[in-house]
Protein backbone atom coordinates (compact mmCIF):
# COMPACT_ATOMS: atom_id res chain seq x y z
CA MET A 1 0.13 0.14 -0.03
CA SER A 2 1.56 3.24 -1.18
CA ASN A 3 1.74 6.25 1.08
CA SER A 4 -0.23 9.29 -0.34
CA LYS A 5 1.07 11.79 1.78
CA PRO A 6 4.23 13.36 0.05
CA SER A 7 7.40 13.12 2.15
CA ARG A 8 9.68 16.41 3.30
CA GLU A 9 12.03 15.41 0.79
CA ASN A 10 9.44 15.32 -1.90
CA LEU A 11 8.05 18.46 -1.06
CA LEU A 12 11.48 20.35 -0.33
CA ASP A 13 12.28 19.59 -3.98
CA LYS A 14 8.89 20.28 -5.66
CA VAL A 15 9.19 23.74 -3.75
CA LEU A 16 12.64 24.32 -5.15
CA ARG A 17 11.71 23.53 -8.64
CA GLU A 18 9.00 25.59 -8.58
CA TYR A 19 11.08 28.39 -6.80
CA SER A 20 13.40 27.75 -9.66
CA SER A 21 10.99 27.93 -12.27
CA LEU A 22 9.76 31.56 -11.14
CA LEU A 23 13.45 32.49 -11.35
CA GLN A 24 13.35 31.41 -14.93
CA ARG A 25 10.06 33.11 -15.65
CA ARG A 26 10.18 36.22 -13.60
CA PRO A 27 13.47 36.46 -11.94
CA VAL A 28 13.23 40.21 -10.51
CA LEU A 29 9.67 39.90 -9.25
CA THR A 30 10.73 36.23 -7.90
CA LYS A 31 13.77 37.63 -5.75
CA SER A 32 11.77 40.94 -4.68
CA ILE A 33 9.08 38.65 -3.37
CA SER A 34 11.37 36.99 -1.64
CA SER A 35 13.54 39.39 -0.30
CA ALA A 36 10.24 41.61 0.68
CA SER A 37 9.19 38.19 2.68
CA ILE A 38 12.58 37.26 4.32
CA SER A 39 13.02 41.05 5.30
CA ALA A 40 9.75 40.94 7.02
CA ILE A 41 10.16 37.66 8.63
CA GLY A 42 13.88 39.04 9.87
CA ASN A 43 12.23 42.14 11.26
CA LEU A 44 9.54 40.25 13.06
CA PHE A 45 12.11 37.72 14.35
CA SER A 46 14.33 40.81 15.74
CA GLN A 47 11.30 42.43 17.27
CA TYR A 48 10.87 39.38 18.99
CA LEU A 49 14.50 39.09 20.25
CA ALA A 50 14.83 42.66 20.99
CA PRO A 51 12.42 45.03 21.41
CA GLN A 52 12.10 48.57 19.90
CA PRO A 53 12.65 50.89 22.46
CA GLY A 54 9.02 52.57 23.64
CA SER A 55 7.26 49.19 21.94
CA GLN A 56 6.33 47.86 25.47
CA GLY A 57 7.33 44.22 23.90
CA ARG A 58 4.50 44.83 20.95
CA ILE A 59 5.12 44.19 17.49
CA VAL A 60 6.10 47.55 15.68
CA TRP A 61 4.07 46.77 11.95
CA ARG A 62 4.73 50.12 10.61
CA SER A 63 8.72 48.63 10.93
CA THR A 64 8.09 45.57 9.61
CA PHE A 65 6.32 46.85 6.54
CA ALA A 66 9.41 49.22 6.19
CA TYR A 67 11.79 46.10 5.74
CA ALA A 68 9.10 44.33 3.45
CA PHE A 69 8.50 47.28 1.26
CA PHE A 70 12.25 47.82 1.12
CA GLY A 71 12.81 44.67 0.18
CA LEU A 72 10.33 44.67 -2.32
CA VAL A 73 11.10 47.71 -3.66
CA VAL A 74 14.38 48.13 -3.15
CA ASN A 75 16.82 45.32 -2.34
CA GLY A 76 15.41 42.69 -4.81
CA PRO A 77 15.75 44.69 -8.03
CA VAL A 78 18.83 46.60 -7.20
CA ILE A 79 20.92 43.47 -5.93
CA HIS A 80 19.31 41.39 -8.90
CA HIS A 81 20.70 43.96 -11.29
CA PHE A 82 23.98 44.49 -9.24
CA TYR A 83 24.90 40.93 -9.64
CA THR A 84 23.80 40.90 -13.16
CA TYR A 85 26.36 44.00 -13.88
CA LEU A 86 28.95 42.49 -11.80
CA ASP A 87 28.77 39.28 -13.90
CA LYS A 88 29.23 41.60 -16.87
CA VAL A 89 32.03 43.59 -15.86
CA LEU A 90 34.00 40.90 -13.90
CA PRO A 91 33.34 37.79 -14.93
CA LYS A 92 33.46 34.79 -12.74
CA LYS A 93 36.45 32.55 -13.53
CA LYS A 94 38.26 30.09 -11.53
CA ASP A 95 41.44 32.00 -10.41
CA ASN A 96 41.16 33.91 -7.02
CA THR A 97 42.05 37.10 -8.80
CA SER A 98 39.03 37.16 -9.98
CA ALA A 99 37.04 36.32 -7.04
CA ILE A 100 38.90 39.10 -5.20
CA LYS A 101 38.16 41.58 -7.55
CA ARG A 102 34.20 40.71 -7.36
CA VAL A 103 34.37 40.95 -3.71
CA LEU A 104 36.39 44.09 -3.77
CA PHE A 105 34.33 45.75 -6.02
CA ASP A 106 30.85 44.72 -3.81
CA ARG A 107 32.42 45.54 -0.55
CA PHE A 108 34.11 49.11 -1.38
CA VAL A 109 32.22 50.58 -4.63
CA PHE A 110 28.56 49.10 -3.95
CA ALA A 111 28.07 48.38 -0.31
CA PRO A 112 29.04 52.01 1.31
CA PRO A 113 25.98 53.55 -0.53
CA TYR A 114 23.82 50.85 -0.12
CA LEU A 115 24.11 50.93 3.36
CA LEU A 116 23.39 54.45 3.19
CA VAL A 117 20.48 54.06 1.36
CA TYR A 118 19.36 51.66 3.43
CA LEU A 119 19.31 53.33 6.67
CA TYR A 120 17.98 56.55 5.33
CA VAL A 121 15.17 54.72 3.49
CA ILE A 122 14.35 52.59 6.31
CA SER A 123 14.42 55.29 8.76
CA LEU A 124 12.14 57.41 6.34
CA LEU A 125 9.44 54.43 5.96
CA GLU A 126 9.24 53.77 9.87
CA GLY A 127 8.12 57.54 10.08
CA HIS A 128 11.71 58.86 11.78
CA GLY A 129 11.22 61.90 8.78
CA THR A 130 13.93 63.43 7.01
CA ALA A 131 15.98 64.57 10.36
CA GLY A 132 15.39 61.45 11.72
CA ALA A 133 16.53 59.45 9.19
CA LYS A 134 19.58 61.79 8.59
CA GLN A 135 20.47 61.22 12.37
CA LYS A 136 20.22 57.53 12.15
CA VAL A 137 22.72 57.54 9.40
CA LYS A 138 24.91 59.95 11.46
CA ASP A 139 24.61 57.68 14.32
CA VAL A 140 25.06 54.51 12.82
CA TYR A 141 26.57 54.54 9.59
CA TRP A 142 30.42 54.01 9.92
CA MET A 143 29.97 51.62 12.86
CA LEU A 144 27.65 49.42 10.61
CA LEU A 145 30.00 49.83 7.76
CA LYS A 146 33.09 48.51 9.46
CA LEU A 147 31.10 45.87 11.05
CA ASN A 148 29.18 44.77 7.80
CA TRP A 149 33.06 45.04 5.67
CA LYS A 150 33.89 42.43 8.97
CA VAL A 151 31.08 40.00 8.65
CA TRP A 152 29.92 40.79 5.07
CA THR A 153 33.38 40.00 3.15
CA PHE A 154 33.49 36.22 3.86
CA VAL A 155 29.72 35.63 3.24
CA GLN A 156 29.93 37.45 0.03
CA TYR A 157 33.10 35.70 -1.23
CA PHE A 158 31.35 32.81 -0.55
CA ASN A 159 28.18 33.87 -2.24
CA LEU A 160 30.01 35.22 -5.25
CA THR A 161 32.42 32.23 -5.73
CA TYR A 162 30.38 29.27 -5.05
CA ILE A 163 26.71 30.24 -5.20
CA PRO A 164 24.60 30.15 -8.56
CA ALA A 165 24.09 33.56 -9.79
CA LYS A 166 20.24 32.95 -9.72
CA TYR A 167 20.28 32.12 -6.04
CA ARG A 168 22.95 34.63 -4.54
CA LEU A 169 19.96 37.10 -3.67
CA LEU A 170 18.36 34.36 -1.63
CA PHE A 171 21.56 33.23 -0.33
CA GLY A 172 22.06 36.81 1.37
CA ASN A 173 18.76 37.36 2.26
CA LEU A 174 18.72 34.22 4.72
CA VAL A 175 21.85 35.31 6.02
CA ALA A 176 20.61 38.97 6.36
CA LEU A 177 18.16 37.19 8.63
CA ILE A 178 20.97 36.47 10.74
CA TRP A 179 22.33 39.72 10.58
CA THR A 180 19.52 41.67 10.83
CA THR A 181 18.58 39.73 14.02
CA TYR A 182 22.15 40.45 15.74
CA ILE A 183 22.12 43.99 14.75
CA SER A 184 18.69 44.95 16.19
CA VAL A 185 20.04 42.93 19.12
CA LYS A 186 23.40 45.20 19.32
CA ARG A 187 21.14 48.53 18.58
CA ASN A 188 18.95 47.68 21.46
CA LYS A 189 21.67 46.90 23.82
CA MET A 190 23.53 50.38 22.90
CA LEU A 191 20.10 51.93 23.33
CA VAL A 192 19.59 50.52 27.04
CA SER A 193 23.38 51.41 27.77
CA LYS A 194 23.28 55.00 26.94
């Protein structure tokens, strides 16, 4: 007698096949929706582990929306096109020099302005206004950029060297889930110690 329930492995295979198919048919939209979903989940997880000051432990839905919206409208499309551009100007080769050039370009040309836009836009979307967004950038940009270089350099080396192009954004978003949680906890500890 055969079991009519699909096994976990079959379900996972089916999900991965469908995701790959969507990446082929609608790459930017698929990556944007993935980015929005993972960003929202990361924000919710971060708020659960390290509630935002003044929230009294409640979820701040505007913050979750800000991260999801940024993922959908900015992160998904921008990172997709950045990786496409990177593959054209610095094609992937089987030598270390190529990999190092790609990582250096990502870390020192792309990451600094992207982080600045990220901090500014998220702050605006969370309702902090122009002055609040500028202050946020002023307060945390340099510290986060240095931390970004320390942590994400190794992640991006692995991502740009070993992960197939169509899965790079997904891989980065999954790592960002952990990164966002870490930054949120660190941010809240800094606010509590002041």
